[in-house]
């Protein structure tokens, strides 16, 4: 299976976000990350995905988009299915 390009939406103060980014870097994954605190367009996109503008308090971060699939939080097993 080909490697998929992952889009990761996160914030720098989110421990799960930092853990995911470190894991993706370790795995040399093909991904791009967006800091929703600094990137207004990324924040707007996340609000559309989640359906709510209070993204941080929903405990959904990090949010990973792979094609039309949206993953919430950091689950290694789930992420690994898209890295193979």
C-alpha atoms as a PDB file:
ATOM      1  CA  UNK A   1       0.000   0.000   0.000  1.00  0.00           C
ATOM      2  CA  UNK A   2       1.326   3.424  -0.900  1.00  0.00           C
ATOM      3  CA  UNK A   3       2.090   5.984   1.768  1.00  0.00           C
ATOM      4  CA  UNK A   4      -0.662   8.546   2.150  1.00  0.00           C
ATOM      5  CA  UNK A   5      -0.088  12.216   2.672  1.00  0.00           C
ATOM      6  CA  UNK A   6      -1.331  13.110   6.153  1.00  0.00           C
ATOM      7  CA  UNK A   7      -2.538  16.557   7.164  1.00  0.00           C
ATOM      8  CA  UNK A   8      -2.131  17.114  10.891  1.00  0.00           C
ATOM      9  CA  UNK A   9      -3.928  19.925  12.720  1.00  0.00           C
ATOM     10  CA  UNK A  10      -2.526  20.640  16.164  1.00  0.00           C
ATOM     11  CA  UNK A  11      -1.403  23.197  18.727  1.00  0.00           C
ATOM     12  CA  UNK A  12       2.043  23.466  20.331  1.00  0.00           C
ATOM     13  CA  UNK A  13       0.687  23.115  23.889  1.00  0.00           C
ATOM     14  CA  UNK A  14      -1.116  19.814  23.167  1.00  0.00           C
ATOM     15  CA  UNK A  15       0.881  16.840  24.536  1.00  0.00           C
ATOM     16  CA  UNK A  16      -0.853  14.346  22.219  1.00  0.00           C
ATOM     17  CA  UNK A  17      -0.096  16.602  19.248  1.00  0.00           C
ATOM     18  CA  UNK A  18       3.593  16.749  20.124  1.00  0.00           C
ATOM     19  CA  UNK A  19       3.685  12.986  20.644  1.00  0.00           C
ATOM     20  CA  UNK A  20       2.061  12.396  17.242  1.00  0.00           C
ATOM     21  CA  UNK A  21       4.431  14.779  15.438  1.00  0.00           C
ATOM     22  CA  UNK A  22       7.458  13.086  17.039  1.00  0.00           C
ATOM     23  CA  UNK A  23       6.080   9.679  16.057  1.00  0.00           C
ATOM     24  CA  UNK A  24       5.451  10.737  12.447  1.00  0.00           C
ATOM     25  CA  UNK A  25       8.949  12.204  12.202  1.00  0.00           C
ATOM     26  CA  UNK A  26      10.444   9.002  13.633  1.00  0.00           C
ATOM     27  CA  UNK A  27       8.518   6.963  11.053  1.00  0.00           C
ATOM     28  CA  UNK A  28       9.593   9.404   8.301  1.00  0.00           C
ATOM     29  CA  UNK A  29       5.935   9.780   7.368  1.00  0.00           C
ATOM     30  CA  UNK A  30       4.769  11.944   4.502  1.00  0.00           C
ATOM     31  CA  UNK A  31       2.830  14.629   6.387  1.00  0.00           C
ATOM     32  CA  UNK A  32       2.279  18.328   6.741  1.00  0.00           C
ATOM     33  CA  UNK A  33       1.281  19.919  10.048  1.00  0.00           C
ATOM     34  CA  UNK A  34      -0.725  23.052  10.738  1.00  0.00           C
ATOM     35  CA  UNK A  35      -0.670  25.042  13.975  1.00  0.00           C
ATOM     36  CA  UNK A  36      -4.301  26.058  14.413  1.00  0.00           C
ATOM     37  CA  UNK A  37      -3.273  28.746  16.916  1.00  0.00           C
ATOM     38  CA  UNK A  38      -1.187  30.590  14.308  1.00  0.00           C
ATOM     39  CA  UNK A  39      -2.811  29.615  10.994  1.00  0.00           C
ATOM     40  CA  UNK A  40      -6.290  31.123  10.643  1.00  0.00           C
ATOM     41  CA  UNK A  41      -7.071  29.132   7.485  1.00  0.00           C
ATOM     42  CA  UNK A  42      -6.144  25.875   9.217  1.00  0.00           C
ATOM     43  CA  UNK A  43      -8.346  26.810  12.199  1.00  0.00           C
ATOM     44  CA  UNK A  44     -11.270  27.514   9.856  1.00  0.00           C
ATOM     45  CA  UNK A  45     -10.763  24.155   8.180  1.00  0.00           C
ATOM     46  CA  UNK A  46     -10.738  22.348  11.545  1.00  0.00           C
ATOM     47  CA  UNK A  47     -13.906  24.167  12.605  1.00  0.00           C
ATOM     48  CA  UNK A  48     -15.586  22.861   9.429  1.00  0.00           C
ATOM     49  CA  UNK A  49     -14.322  19.326  10.131  1.00  0.00           C
ATOM     50  CA  UNK A  50     -15.373  19.316  13.794  1.00  0.00           C
ATOM     51  CA  UNK A  51     -18.488  21.459  13.417  1.00  0.00           C
ATOM     52  CA  UNK A  52     -17.603  23.580  16.427  1.00  0.00           C
ATOM     53  CA  UNK A  53     -15.250  26.516  16.996  1.00  0.00           C
ATOM     54  CA  UNK A  54     -14.146  25.361  20.467  1.00  0.00           C
ATOM     55  CA  UNK A  55     -11.720  22.788  19.065  1.00  0.00           C
ATOM     56  CA  UNK A  56      -9.224  22.621  21.941  1.00  0.00           C
ATOM     57  CA  UNK A  57     -11.786  21.938  24.674  1.00  0.00           C
ATOM     58  CA  UNK A  58     -13.341  19.098  22.666  1.00  0.00           C
ATOM     59  CA  UNK A  59     -10.226  16.997  23.305  1.00  0.00           C
ATOM     60  CA  UNK A  60     -10.139  16.010  19.637  1.00  0.00           C
ATOM     61  CA  UNK A  61      -6.599  17.191  18.972  1.00  0.00           C
ATOM     62  CA  UNK A  62      -4.584  16.227  17.116  1.00  0.00           C
ATOM     63  CA  UNK A  63      -6.824  15.944  14.074  1.00  0.00           C
ATOM     64  CA  UNK A  64      -5.364  13.966  11.175  1.00  0.00           C
ATOM     65  CA  UNK A  65      -6.891  14.058   7.715  1.00  0.00           C
ATOM     66  CA  UNK A  66      -6.008  11.312   5.241  1.00  0.00           C
ATOM     67  CA  UNK A  67      -7.933  11.779   2.006  1.00  0.00           C
ATOM     68  CA  UNK A  68     -11.568  11.931   3.134  1.00  0.00           C
ATOM     69  CA  UNK A  69     -10.915  10.134   6.452  1.00  0.00           C
ATOM     70  CA  UNK A  70     -10.644  12.140   9.697  1.00  0.00           C
ATOM     71  CA  UNK A  71      -8.838  10.727  12.734  1.00  0.00           C
ATOM     72  CA  UNK A  72      -9.175  12.321  16.177  1.00  0.00           C
ATOM     73  CA  UNK A  73      -6.498  12.060  18.853  1.00  0.00           C
ATOM     74  CA  UNK A  74      -3.361   9.951  18.619  1.00  0.00           C
ATOM     75  CA  UNK A  75      -3.787   6.220  18.244  1.00  0.00           C
ATOM     76  CA  UNK A  76      -0.593   4.547  16.962  1.00  0.00           C
ATOM     77  CA  UNK A  77      -2.426   1.505  15.636  1.00  0.00           C
ATOM     78  CA  UNK A  78      -4.864   3.654  13.677  1.00  0.00           C
ATOM     79  CA  UNK A  79      -2.117   5.940  12.329  1.00  0.00           C
ATOM     80  CA  UNK A  80       0.021   2.941  11.351  1.00  0.00           C
ATOM     81  CA  UNK A  81      -2.696   1.672   9.018  1.00  0.00           C
ATOM     82  CA  UNK A  82      -2.094   4.781   6.905  1.00  0.00           C
ATOM     83  CA  UNK A  83       1.707   4.608   7.054  1.00  0.00           C
ATOM     84  CA  UNK A  84       2.133   1.130   5.540  1.00  0.00           C
END
